[in-house]
């Protein structure tokens, strides 16, 4: 399947569109001593400068733990932020544009974008900027949509792209094929019982 790169938006704006809280992102950037907005992933940190008391207080107020771990914590925070940025960038780089989805599903571009804007949606998409749609790759195979996509989206329509990408792509301990954990996406593609997936997603409907 063809993938399409993102327009030249600043990274922080794209992360917010993907579902990262602007408040949480601002706190992370402040703690990591990185300017906001950001335009590129920060370099892996080797700076051992410890967190200030104020920075520790901000992190604790957000529920962070292990803040007495010493100066290496700053390195961990910067590197965690870098990984989060790279995760968002990877999601976009592997997403399909409207034209690619239209070709794959053999429908018009207009119908592709209408399907993403229905309530509930038939396709999971997001706008990088007004009128520029991207469709995360997890929902497609070379033959079209994954099985039961519309049902999943009817339950999780309110969820942000970064959450859905993680949930659908990462192996889940309650889903096993040949004694190995598999992702919800792979479970459905293998034509396993879809009720297993529905049981996993329904508790997330009201979160």
N, C-alpha and C. Protein backbone atom coordinates (compact mmCIF):
# COMPACT_ATOMS: atom_id res chain seq x y z
N UNK A 1 0.85 -1.20 0.00
CA UNK A 1 0.00 0.00 0.00
C UNK A 1 0.87 1.24 0.00
N UNK A 2 0.47 2.24 -0.75
CA UNK A 2 1.25 3.48 -0.82
C UNK A 2 1.00 4.32 0.42
N UNK A 3 2.07 4.91 0.92
CA UNK A 3 1.97 5.78 2.07
C UNK A 3 2.34 7.20 1.66
N UNK A 4 1.98 8.15 2.51
CA UNK A 4 2.22 9.54 2.14
C UNK A 4 2.75 10.31 3.33
N UNK A 5 3.78 11.12 3.10
CA UNK A 5 4.36 11.93 4.16
C UNK A 5 3.47 13.10 4.52
N UNK A 6 3.69 13.63 5.72
CA UNK A 6 2.88 14.75 6.20
C UNK A 6 3.34 16.05 5.57
N UNK A 7 2.45 17.04 5.50
CA UNK A 7 2.88 18.38 5.13
C UNK A 7 3.87 18.91 6.15
N UNK A 8 4.46 20.04 5.88
CA UNK A 8 5.51 20.56 6.74
C UNK A 8 4.93 21.32 7.93
N UNK A 9 4.13 20.64 8.76
CA UNK A 9 3.60 21.24 9.98
C UNK A 9 4.64 21.15 11.08
N UNK A 10 4.52 22.01 12.13
CA UNK A 10 5.41 21.81 13.26
C UNK A 10 4.97 20.55 14.00
N UNK A 11 5.94 19.87 14.60
CA UNK A 11 5.71 18.56 15.19
C UNK A 11 4.70 18.63 16.32
N UNK A 12 4.77 19.67 17.13
CA UNK A 12 3.86 19.76 18.27
C UNK A 12 2.41 19.86 17.82
N UNK A 13 2.13 20.62 16.76
CA UNK A 13 0.76 20.73 16.26
C UNK A 13 0.25 19.38 15.78
N UNK A 14 1.11 18.64 15.08
CA UNK A 14 0.72 17.32 14.58
C UNK A 14 0.44 16.38 15.74
N UNK A 15 1.27 16.42 16.79
CA UNK A 15 1.07 15.54 17.94
C UNK A 15 -0.28 15.81 18.60
N UNK A 16 -0.65 17.08 18.70
CA UNK A 16 -1.94 17.43 19.30
C UNK A 16 -3.08 16.91 18.44
N UNK A 17 -2.95 17.01 17.11
CA UNK A 17 -3.98 16.49 16.22
C UNK A 17 -4.13 14.98 16.37
N UNK A 18 -3.04 14.31 16.72
CA UNK A 18 -3.07 12.85 16.87
C UNK A 18 -3.61 12.42 18.22
N UNK A 19 -3.81 13.37 19.13
CA UNK A 19 -4.44 13.01 20.39
C UNK A 19 -3.61 13.22 21.63
N UNK A 20 -2.39 13.79 21.49
CA UNK A 20 -1.59 14.11 22.66
C UNK A 20 -2.13 15.40 23.27
N UNK A 21 -2.44 15.39 24.56
CA UNK A 21 -2.97 16.59 25.22
C UNK A 21 -1.98 17.73 25.12
N UNK A 22 -2.47 18.91 24.71
CA UNK A 22 -1.60 20.08 24.59
C UNK A 22 -1.01 20.45 25.95
N UNK A 23 -1.81 20.32 27.01
CA UNK A 23 -1.31 20.62 28.36
C UNK A 23 -0.20 19.66 28.74
N UNK A 24 -0.43 18.36 28.52
CA UNK A 24 0.59 17.37 28.86
C UNK A 24 1.84 17.56 28.02
N UNK A 25 1.66 17.87 26.73
CA UNK A 25 2.81 18.08 25.86
C UNK A 25 3.62 19.28 26.32
N UNK A 26 2.95 20.36 26.69
CA UNK A 26 3.65 21.55 27.16
C UNK A 26 4.48 21.24 28.40
N UNK A 27 3.92 20.45 29.31
CA UNK A 27 4.65 20.09 30.53
C UNK A 27 5.87 19.24 30.20
N UNK A 28 5.70 18.27 29.29
CA UNK A 28 6.82 17.43 28.90
C UNK A 28 7.94 18.25 28.28
N UNK A 29 7.56 19.18 27.40
CA UNK A 29 8.56 20.01 26.75
C UNK A 29 9.28 20.90 27.75
N UNK A 30 8.55 21.42 28.71
CA UNK A 30 9.16 22.28 29.72
C UNK A 30 10.17 21.51 30.55
N UNK A 31 9.76 20.32 30.98
CA UNK A 31 10.65 19.50 31.79
C UNK A 31 11.88 19.08 31.00
N UNK A 32 11.69 18.82 29.70
CA UNK A 32 12.81 18.41 28.85
C UNK A 32 13.63 19.59 28.36
N UNK A 33 13.21 20.83 28.72
CA UNK A 33 13.91 22.05 28.33
C UNK A 33 13.96 22.19 26.81
N UNK A 34 12.81 21.98 26.17
CA UNK A 34 12.68 22.08 24.72
C UNK A 34 11.65 23.15 24.40
N UNK A 35 11.95 24.02 23.44
CA UNK A 35 11.05 25.10 23.08
C UNK A 35 9.74 24.57 22.49
N UNK A 36 8.67 25.32 22.71
CA UNK A 36 7.35 25.00 22.16
C UNK A 36 6.92 26.16 21.25
N UNK A 37 6.46 25.90 20.01
CA UNK A 37 6.30 24.59 19.40
C UNK A 37 7.62 24.00 18.95
N UNK A 38 7.59 22.71 18.63
CA UNK A 38 8.80 22.02 18.20
C UNK A 38 8.67 21.66 16.73
N UNK A 39 9.79 21.58 16.06
CA UNK A 39 9.78 21.31 14.63
C UNK A 39 10.55 20.05 14.26
N UNK A 40 11.16 19.39 15.24
CA UNK A 40 11.89 18.16 14.97
C UNK A 40 12.05 17.39 16.26
N UNK A 41 12.29 16.09 16.13
CA UNK A 41 12.49 15.26 17.31
C UNK A 41 13.79 15.66 18.00
N UNK A 42 13.78 15.80 19.34
CA UNK A 42 15.01 16.15 20.04
C UNK A 42 16.03 15.04 19.95
N UNK A 43 17.30 15.44 20.01
CA UNK A 43 18.36 14.45 20.02
C UNK A 43 18.31 13.66 21.32
N UNK A 44 18.77 12.40 21.26
CA UNK A 44 18.84 11.59 22.47
C UNK A 44 19.70 12.31 23.50
N UNK A 45 19.18 12.45 24.70
CA UNK A 45 19.86 13.26 25.71
C UNK A 45 20.91 12.47 26.48
N UNK A 46 22.04 13.13 26.74
CA UNK A 46 23.04 12.59 27.66
C UNK A 46 23.31 13.57 28.78
N UNK A 47 22.51 14.64 28.86
CA UNK A 47 22.66 15.67 29.88
C UNK A 47 22.22 15.12 31.23
N UNK A 48 23.09 15.19 32.24
CA UNK A 48 22.76 14.65 33.55
C UNK A 48 22.32 15.72 34.52
N UNK A 49 21.95 16.92 34.01
CA UNK A 49 21.48 17.99 34.89
C UNK A 49 20.17 17.56 35.55
N UNK A 50 20.09 17.59 36.88
CA UNK A 50 18.89 17.12 37.57
C UNK A 50 17.70 18.06 37.38
N UNK A 51 16.51 17.54 37.66
CA UNK A 51 15.31 18.35 37.61
C UNK A 51 15.29 19.34 38.76
N UNK A 52 14.72 20.51 38.50
CA UNK A 52 14.54 21.48 39.57
C UNK A 52 13.36 21.06 40.44
N UNK A 53 13.24 21.69 41.61
CA UNK A 53 12.11 21.38 42.49
C UNK A 53 10.79 21.69 41.79
N UNK A 54 10.75 22.79 41.03
CA UNK A 54 9.53 23.17 40.33
C UNK A 54 9.16 22.14 39.27
N UNK A 55 10.16 21.63 38.54
CA UNK A 55 9.89 20.63 37.51
C UNK A 55 9.37 19.34 38.13
N UNK A 56 9.96 18.95 39.26
CA UNK A 56 9.49 17.76 39.96
C UNK A 56 8.05 17.95 40.40
N UNK A 57 7.73 19.15 40.89
CA UNK A 57 6.36 19.43 41.34
C UNK A 57 5.37 19.32 40.19
N UNK A 58 5.74 19.84 39.00
CA UNK A 58 4.86 19.77 37.83
C UNK A 58 4.61 18.31 37.45
N UNK A 59 5.68 17.52 37.43
CA UNK A 59 5.53 16.12 37.06
C UNK A 59 4.69 15.35 38.07
N UNK A 60 4.92 15.63 39.36
CA UNK A 60 4.14 14.94 40.40
C UNK A 60 2.67 15.30 40.30
N UNK A 61 2.37 16.56 39.98
CA UNK A 61 0.97 16.97 39.87
C UNK A 61 0.27 16.26 38.73
N UNK A 62 1.05 15.81 37.74
CA UNK A 62 0.49 15.06 36.62
C UNK A 62 0.46 13.57 36.84
N UNK A 63 0.87 13.12 38.05
CA UNK A 63 0.81 11.71 38.39
C UNK A 63 2.10 10.95 38.16
N UNK A 64 3.20 11.65 37.85
CA UNK A 64 4.46 10.96 37.61
C UNK A 64 5.02 10.39 38.91
N UNK A 65 5.69 9.23 38.77
CA UNK A 65 6.30 8.58 39.93
C UNK A 65 7.79 8.43 39.68
N UNK A 66 8.52 8.01 40.72
CA UNK A 66 9.95 7.77 40.59
C UNK A 66 10.77 9.02 40.38
N UNK A 67 10.34 10.13 40.97
CA UNK A 67 11.01 11.40 40.72
C UNK A 67 12.21 11.64 41.64
N UNK A 68 12.50 10.69 42.50
CA UNK A 68 13.69 10.80 43.35
C UNK A 68 14.81 9.92 42.83
N UNK A 69 14.75 9.58 41.54
CA UNK A 69 15.70 8.63 40.97
C UNK A 69 17.04 9.25 40.61
N UNK A 70 17.20 10.56 40.78
CA UNK A 70 18.49 11.16 40.53
C UNK A 70 18.59 11.82 39.17
N UNK A 71 19.80 12.30 38.80
CA UNK A 71 19.97 13.09 37.58
C UNK A 71 19.66 12.35 36.30
N UNK A 72 19.76 11.02 36.30
CA UNK A 72 19.48 10.29 35.08
C UNK A 72 18.02 10.38 34.66
N UNK A 73 17.16 10.84 35.57
CA UNK A 73 15.75 10.97 35.22
C UNK A 73 15.55 11.98 34.11
N UNK A 74 16.32 13.07 34.11
CA UNK A 74 16.18 14.07 33.04
C UNK A 74 16.47 13.44 31.68
N UNK A 75 17.49 12.61 31.63
CA UNK A 75 17.82 11.91 30.39
C UNK A 75 16.63 11.06 29.95
N UNK A 76 16.05 10.34 30.90
CA UNK A 76 14.92 9.47 30.58
C UNK A 76 13.73 10.26 30.07
N UNK A 77 13.49 11.45 30.67
CA UNK A 77 12.35 12.27 30.25
C UNK A 77 12.54 12.77 28.82
N UNK A 78 13.72 13.25 28.50
CA UNK A 78 13.98 13.75 27.15
C UNK A 78 13.86 12.62 26.14
N UNK A 79 14.42 11.46 26.48
CA UNK A 79 14.37 10.35 25.54
C UNK A 79 12.95 9.80 25.38
N UNK A 80 12.15 9.85 26.45
CA UNK A 80 10.74 9.44 26.35
C UNK A 80 9.98 10.37 25.42
N UNK A 81 10.25 11.68 25.54
CA UNK A 81 9.61 12.64 24.66
C UNK A 81 10.02 12.39 23.21
N UNK A 82 11.29 12.13 23.00
CA UNK A 82 11.77 11.85 21.65
C UNK A 82 11.05 10.63 21.06
N UNK A 83 10.89 9.58 21.87
CA UNK A 83 10.20 8.39 21.37
C UNK A 83 8.74 8.69 21.04
N UNK A 84 8.10 9.53 21.86
CA UNK A 84 6.70 9.89 21.59
C UNK A 84 6.58 10.66 20.28
N UNK A 85 7.50 11.60 20.06
CA UNK A 85 7.50 12.36 18.80
C UNK A 85 7.70 11.42 17.62
N UNK A 86 8.65 10.50 17.74
CA UNK A 86 8.92 9.58 16.65
C UNK A 86 7.73 8.66 16.39
N UNK A 87 7.02 8.28 17.47
CA UNK A 87 5.82 7.46 17.30
C UNK A 87 4.78 8.19 16.47
N UNK A 88 4.57 9.46 16.76
CA UNK A 88 3.60 10.25 16.00
C UNK A 88 4.05 10.41 14.55
N UNK A 89 5.33 10.67 14.35
CA UNK A 89 5.84 10.83 12.99
C UNK A 89 5.69 9.54 12.19
N UNK A 90 5.96 8.40 12.84
CA UNK A 90 5.84 7.11 12.16
C UNK A 90 4.40 6.83 11.76
N UNK A 91 3.47 7.15 12.66
CA UNK A 91 2.05 6.95 12.36
C UNK A 91 1.67 7.71 11.08
N UNK A 92 2.13 8.95 10.98
CA UNK A 92 1.79 9.77 9.82
C UNK A 92 2.48 9.26 8.56
N UNK A 93 3.75 8.91 8.69
CA UNK A 93 4.51 8.47 7.52
C UNK A 93 3.93 7.19 6.90
N UNK A 94 3.32 6.34 7.74
CA UNK A 94 2.76 5.09 7.24
C UNK A 94 1.28 5.20 6.91
N UNK A 95 0.67 6.34 7.22
CA UNK A 95 -0.75 6.53 6.91
C UNK A 95 -0.94 6.72 5.40
N UNK A 96 -2.13 6.40 4.94
CA UNK A 96 -2.47 6.56 3.53
C UNK A 96 -3.19 7.89 3.32
N UNK A 97 -2.97 8.49 2.16
CA UNK A 97 -3.74 9.68 1.83
C UNK A 97 -5.08 9.27 1.20
N UNK A 98 -5.93 10.25 0.96
CA UNK A 98 -7.27 9.96 0.45
C UNK A 98 -7.23 9.23 -0.89
N UNK A 99 -6.32 9.63 -1.74
CA UNK A 99 -6.23 9.03 -3.07
C UNK A 99 -5.84 7.55 -2.99
N UNK A 100 -4.91 7.24 -2.09
CA UNK A 100 -4.47 5.85 -1.94
C UNK A 100 -5.59 4.97 -1.40
N UNK A 101 -6.35 5.50 -0.45
CA UNK A 101 -7.48 4.74 0.10
C UNK A 101 -8.55 4.54 -0.97
N UNK A 102 -8.83 5.58 -1.74
CA UNK A 102 -9.83 5.47 -2.81
C UNK A 102 -9.45 4.38 -3.81
N UNK A 103 -8.18 4.34 -4.17
CA UNK A 103 -7.71 3.31 -5.11
C UNK A 103 -7.82 1.93 -4.50
N UNK A 104 -7.45 1.80 -3.23
CA UNK A 104 -7.49 0.51 -2.56
C UNK A 104 -8.92 -0.02 -2.44
N UNK A 105 -9.85 0.85 -2.08
CA UNK A 105 -11.24 0.44 -1.84
C UNK A 105 -12.11 0.56 -3.09
N UNK A 106 -11.53 1.12 -4.15
CA UNK A 106 -12.24 1.28 -5.43
C UNK A 106 -13.50 2.13 -5.26
N UNK A 107 -13.32 3.24 -4.56
CA UNK A 107 -14.38 4.24 -4.42
C UNK A 107 -13.77 5.60 -4.70
N UNK A 108 -14.58 6.64 -4.72
CA UNK A 108 -14.07 7.97 -5.02
C UNK A 108 -13.40 8.59 -3.80
N UNK A 109 -12.55 9.57 -4.05
CA UNK A 109 -11.90 10.31 -2.96
C UNK A 109 -12.95 10.98 -2.09
N UNK A 110 -13.97 11.54 -2.72
CA UNK A 110 -15.03 12.20 -1.95
C UNK A 110 -15.72 11.23 -1.01
N UNK A 111 -15.95 10.00 -1.47
CA UNK A 111 -16.61 9.01 -0.62
C UNK A 111 -15.70 8.58 0.52
N UNK A 112 -14.42 8.45 0.25
CA UNK A 112 -13.46 8.13 1.31
C UNK A 112 -13.55 9.15 2.44
N UNK A 113 -13.51 10.41 2.09
CA UNK A 113 -13.51 11.46 3.10
C UNK A 113 -14.87 11.59 3.78
N UNK A 114 -15.95 11.32 3.04
CA UNK A 114 -17.28 11.29 3.68
C UNK A 114 -17.36 10.16 4.70
N UNK A 115 -16.79 9.01 4.35
CA UNK A 115 -16.84 7.87 5.27
C UNK A 115 -16.09 8.15 6.57
N UNK A 116 -15.07 8.99 6.49
CA UNK A 116 -14.32 9.35 7.70
C UNK A 116 -15.07 10.36 8.55
N UNK A 117 -16.01 11.08 7.95
CA UNK A 117 -16.72 12.14 8.67
C UNK A 117 -18.13 11.73 9.10
N UNK A 118 -18.53 10.52 8.77
CA UNK A 118 -19.84 10.04 9.21
C UNK A 118 -19.85 9.89 10.73
N UNK A 119 -21.03 9.75 11.29
CA UNK A 119 -21.16 9.53 12.73
C UNK A 119 -22.09 8.34 12.98
N UNK A 120 -21.53 7.17 13.35
CA UNK A 120 -20.10 6.89 13.53
C UNK A 120 -19.40 6.74 12.18
N UNK A 121 -18.08 6.87 12.17
CA UNK A 121 -17.34 6.80 10.90
C UNK A 121 -17.25 5.37 10.37
N UNK A 122 -17.13 5.26 9.05
CA UNK A 122 -16.87 3.96 8.42
C UNK A 122 -15.36 3.74 8.25
N UNK A 123 -14.60 4.83 8.22
CA UNK A 123 -13.14 4.78 8.13
C UNK A 123 -12.57 5.68 9.20
N UNK A 124 -11.38 5.33 9.68
CA UNK A 124 -10.72 6.16 10.68
C UNK A 124 -9.70 7.06 9.99
N UNK A 125 -9.96 8.37 10.04
CA UNK A 125 -9.05 9.32 9.43
C UNK A 125 -8.92 10.56 10.29
N UNK A 126 -7.92 11.35 9.99
CA UNK A 126 -7.73 12.63 10.69
C UNK A 126 -7.17 13.64 9.70
N UNK A 127 -7.40 14.90 9.98
CA UNK A 127 -6.89 15.97 9.13
C UNK A 127 -5.58 16.52 9.69
N UNK A 128 -4.53 16.46 8.90
CA UNK A 128 -3.27 17.09 9.30
C UNK A 128 -3.41 18.60 9.29
N UNK A 129 -4.19 19.09 8.36
CA UNK A 129 -4.58 20.49 8.27
C UNK A 129 -5.90 20.48 7.51
N UNK A 130 -6.66 21.55 7.51
CA UNK A 130 -7.97 21.51 6.87
C UNK A 130 -7.93 20.98 5.44
N UNK A 131 -8.68 19.91 5.21
CA UNK A 131 -8.79 19.34 3.88
C UNK A 131 -7.71 18.35 3.51
N UNK A 132 -6.73 18.13 4.39
CA UNK A 132 -5.63 17.19 4.11
C UNK A 132 -5.81 15.98 5.03
N UNK A 133 -6.38 14.91 4.48
CA UNK A 133 -6.73 13.74 5.27
C UNK A 133 -5.64 12.67 5.22
N UNK A 134 -5.50 11.98 6.35
CA UNK A 134 -4.64 10.80 6.43
C UNK A 134 -5.41 9.68 7.13
N UNK A 135 -5.14 8.44 6.70
CA UNK A 135 -5.85 7.28 7.19
C UNK A 135 -4.84 6.26 7.71
N UNK A 136 -4.78 6.05 9.04
CA UNK A 136 -3.79 5.13 9.61
C UNK A 136 -3.84 3.75 8.95
N UNK A 137 -2.66 3.19 8.74
CA UNK A 137 -2.53 1.98 7.93
C UNK A 137 -3.08 0.73 8.60
N UNK A 138 -3.23 0.73 9.93
CA UNK A 138 -3.65 -0.49 10.63
C UNK A 138 -5.01 -0.98 10.17
N UNK A 139 -5.85 -0.08 9.64
CA UNK A 139 -7.23 -0.47 9.30
C UNK A 139 -7.36 -1.10 7.91
N UNK A 140 -6.22 -1.23 7.21
CA UNK A 140 -6.25 -1.75 5.84
C UNK A 140 -5.34 -2.97 5.68
N UNK A 141 -5.69 -3.80 4.71
CA UNK A 141 -4.80 -4.83 4.19
C UNK A 141 -4.63 -4.55 2.69
N UNK A 142 -3.85 -5.37 2.03
CA UNK A 142 -3.70 -5.19 0.58
C UNK A 142 -5.00 -5.43 -0.17
N UNK A 143 -5.97 -6.09 0.51
CA UNK A 143 -7.24 -6.40 -0.14
C UNK A 143 -8.35 -5.42 0.22
N UNK A 144 -8.11 -4.51 1.16
CA UNK A 144 -9.14 -3.56 1.56
C UNK A 144 -9.14 -3.31 3.05
N UNK A 145 -10.33 -3.15 3.65
CA UNK A 145 -10.45 -2.89 5.08
C UNK A 145 -10.26 -4.19 5.87
N UNK A 146 -9.80 -4.07 7.12
CA UNK A 146 -9.78 -5.23 7.99
C UNK A 146 -11.22 -5.62 8.34
N UNK A 147 -11.46 -6.88 8.67
CA UNK A 147 -12.82 -7.30 9.04
C UNK A 147 -13.33 -6.55 10.27
N UNK A 148 -14.62 -6.22 10.24
CA UNK A 148 -15.34 -5.63 11.39
C UNK A 148 -14.84 -4.23 11.75
N UNK A 149 -14.24 -3.54 10.81
CA UNK A 149 -13.73 -2.20 11.09
C UNK A 149 -14.85 -1.25 11.51
N UNK A 150 -15.96 -1.27 10.79
CA UNK A 150 -17.04 -0.33 11.09
C UNK A 150 -17.58 -0.52 12.50
N UNK A 151 -17.66 -1.78 12.96
CA UNK A 151 -18.16 -2.04 14.31
C UNK A 151 -17.20 -1.48 15.36
N UNK A 152 -15.92 -1.69 15.15
CA UNK A 152 -14.92 -1.17 16.08
C UNK A 152 -14.99 0.35 16.15
N UNK A 153 -15.09 0.99 14.99
CA UNK A 153 -15.15 2.45 14.97
C UNK A 153 -16.45 2.98 15.56
N UNK A 154 -17.52 2.20 15.47
CA UNK A 154 -18.77 2.65 16.08
C UNK A 154 -18.66 2.70 17.60
N UNK A 155 -17.76 1.89 18.16
CA UNK A 155 -17.56 1.87 19.61
C UNK A 155 -16.50 2.89 20.03
N UNK A 156 -15.45 3.01 19.23
CA UNK A 156 -14.30 3.84 19.62
C UNK A 156 -14.16 5.09 18.77
N UNK A 157 -15.26 5.59 18.23
CA UNK A 157 -15.20 6.75 17.34
C UNK A 157 -14.59 7.97 18.01
N UNK A 158 -14.73 8.09 19.33
CA UNK A 158 -14.24 9.27 20.03
C UNK A 158 -12.75 9.20 20.34
N UNK A 159 -12.15 8.03 20.13
CA UNK A 159 -10.75 7.87 20.48
C UNK A 159 -9.82 8.52 19.45
N UNK A 160 -8.70 9.02 19.94
CA UNK A 160 -7.76 9.73 19.09
C UNK A 160 -6.87 8.77 18.31
N UNK A 161 -6.26 9.24 17.21
CA UNK A 161 -5.46 8.36 16.36
C UNK A 161 -4.33 7.64 17.09
N UNK A 162 -3.64 8.32 18.00
CA UNK A 162 -2.50 7.67 18.65
C UNK A 162 -2.97 6.52 19.53
N UNK A 163 -4.12 6.67 20.18
CA UNK A 163 -4.67 5.59 21.01
C UNK A 163 -5.07 4.40 20.15
N UNK A 164 -5.82 4.66 19.08
CA UNK A 164 -6.27 3.58 18.21
C UNK A 164 -5.10 2.86 17.55
N UNK A 165 -4.09 3.60 17.17
CA UNK A 165 -2.92 2.99 16.54
C UNK A 165 -2.24 2.02 17.51
N UNK A 166 -2.06 2.44 18.75
CA UNK A 166 -1.44 1.57 19.74
C UNK A 166 -2.31 0.35 20.02
N UNK A 167 -3.61 0.60 20.23
CA UNK A 167 -4.50 -0.50 20.59
C UNK A 167 -4.57 -1.55 19.49
N UNK A 168 -4.69 -1.12 18.25
CA UNK A 168 -4.91 -2.06 17.16
C UNK A 168 -3.63 -2.75 16.69
N UNK A 169 -2.48 -2.14 16.90
CA UNK A 169 -1.23 -2.71 16.36
C UNK A 169 -0.43 -3.52 17.36
N UNK A 170 -0.56 -3.23 18.65
CA UNK A 170 0.30 -3.88 19.63
C UNK A 170 -0.30 -5.20 20.11
N UNK A 171 0.53 -6.23 20.34
CA UNK A 171 0.01 -7.51 20.84
C UNK A 171 -0.73 -7.32 22.16
N UNK A 172 -1.80 -8.08 22.32
CA UNK A 172 -2.63 -8.00 23.53
C UNK A 172 -2.56 -9.35 24.25
N UNK A 173 -2.40 -9.29 25.57
CA UNK A 173 -2.21 -10.52 26.34
C UNK A 173 -3.43 -11.44 26.31
N UNK A 174 -4.61 -10.91 26.00
CA UNK A 174 -5.82 -11.73 25.96
C UNK A 174 -6.11 -12.30 24.58
N UNK A 175 -5.24 -12.03 23.62
CA UNK A 175 -5.44 -12.53 22.26
C UNK A 175 -4.24 -13.38 21.87
N UNK A 176 -4.46 -14.67 21.71
CA UNK A 176 -3.36 -15.57 21.36
C UNK A 176 -3.71 -16.43 20.15
N UNK A 177 -2.76 -16.56 19.27
CA UNK A 177 -2.84 -17.49 18.15
C UNK A 177 -1.58 -18.34 18.20
N UNK A 178 -1.75 -19.66 18.26
CA UNK A 178 -0.61 -20.58 18.39
C UNK A 178 0.23 -20.24 19.61
N UNK A 179 -0.46 -19.89 20.70
CA UNK A 179 0.17 -19.61 22.00
C UNK A 179 1.05 -18.36 21.98
N UNK A 180 0.83 -17.49 21.02
CA UNK A 180 1.59 -16.24 20.95
C UNK A 180 0.61 -15.06 20.95
N UNK A 181 0.89 -14.02 21.78
CA UNK A 181 0.02 -12.84 21.78
C UNK A 181 0.05 -12.15 20.41
N UNK A 182 -1.11 -11.72 19.98
CA UNK A 182 -1.20 -11.00 18.70
C UNK A 182 -1.98 -9.70 18.92
N UNK A 183 -1.89 -8.81 17.97
CA UNK A 183 -2.61 -7.54 18.04
C UNK A 183 -4.07 -7.75 17.64
N UNK A 184 -4.97 -6.84 18.06
CA UNK A 184 -6.35 -6.91 17.58
C UNK A 184 -6.44 -6.92 16.05
N UNK A 185 -5.60 -6.14 15.41
CA UNK A 185 -5.60 -6.12 13.94
C UNK A 185 -5.30 -7.51 13.38
N UNK A 186 -4.23 -8.14 13.85
CA UNK A 186 -3.86 -9.45 13.33
C UNK A 186 -4.90 -10.51 13.68
N UNK A 187 -5.53 -10.37 14.84
CA UNK A 187 -6.58 -11.28 15.26
C UNK A 187 -7.75 -11.25 14.25
N UNK A 188 -8.15 -10.07 13.88
CA UNK A 188 -9.27 -9.93 12.95
C UNK A 188 -8.90 -10.40 11.55
N UNK A 189 -7.69 -10.08 11.11
CA UNK A 189 -7.25 -10.50 9.79
C UNK A 189 -7.19 -12.03 9.70
N UNK A 190 -6.85 -12.68 10.83
CA UNK A 190 -6.79 -14.14 10.88
C UNK A 190 -8.17 -14.77 11.00
N UNK A 191 -9.22 -13.94 10.99
CA UNK A 191 -10.62 -14.40 11.05
C UNK A 191 -10.93 -15.15 12.34
N UNK A 192 -10.33 -14.68 13.43
CA UNK A 192 -10.67 -15.20 14.75
C UNK A 192 -11.98 -14.57 15.22
N UNK A 193 -12.50 -15.05 16.35
CA UNK A 193 -13.79 -14.60 16.87
C UNK A 193 -13.77 -13.10 17.14
N UNK A 194 -14.55 -12.30 16.40
CA UNK A 194 -14.51 -10.85 16.62
C UNK A 194 -15.07 -10.43 17.97
N UNK A 195 -15.90 -11.29 18.59
CA UNK A 195 -16.45 -10.93 19.90
C UNK A 195 -15.35 -10.72 20.94
N UNK A 196 -14.22 -11.39 20.75
CA UNK A 196 -13.09 -11.18 21.66
C UNK A 196 -12.63 -9.73 21.61
N UNK A 197 -12.60 -9.17 20.42
CA UNK A 197 -12.19 -7.77 20.26
C UNK A 197 -13.26 -6.84 20.80
N UNK A 198 -14.50 -7.14 20.50
CA UNK A 198 -15.58 -6.27 20.97
C UNK A 198 -15.61 -6.21 22.50
N UNK A 199 -15.31 -7.34 23.16
CA UNK A 199 -15.26 -7.35 24.62
C UNK A 199 -14.13 -6.47 25.15
N UNK A 200 -13.05 -6.37 24.39
CA UNK A 200 -11.92 -5.53 24.80
C UNK A 200 -12.22 -4.05 24.60
N UNK A 201 -12.94 -3.71 23.54
CA UNK A 201 -13.13 -2.30 23.22
C UNK A 201 -14.32 -1.67 23.94
N UNK A 202 -15.32 -2.48 24.29
CA UNK A 202 -16.52 -1.88 24.89
C UNK A 202 -16.23 -1.15 26.20
N UNK A 203 -15.38 -1.68 27.10
CA UNK A 203 -15.07 -0.91 28.31
C UNK A 203 -14.38 0.42 28.03
N UNK A 204 -13.79 0.57 26.84
CA UNK A 204 -13.09 1.81 26.47
C UNK A 204 -14.04 2.85 25.90
N UNK A 205 -15.28 2.45 25.64
CA UNK A 205 -16.24 3.33 24.98
C UNK A 205 -16.53 4.57 25.81
N UNK A 206 -16.61 4.41 27.12
CA UNK A 206 -17.02 5.52 27.99
C UNK A 206 -15.87 6.13 28.76
N UNK A 207 -14.63 5.70 28.49
CA UNK A 207 -13.47 6.25 29.21
C UNK A 207 -13.28 7.73 28.88
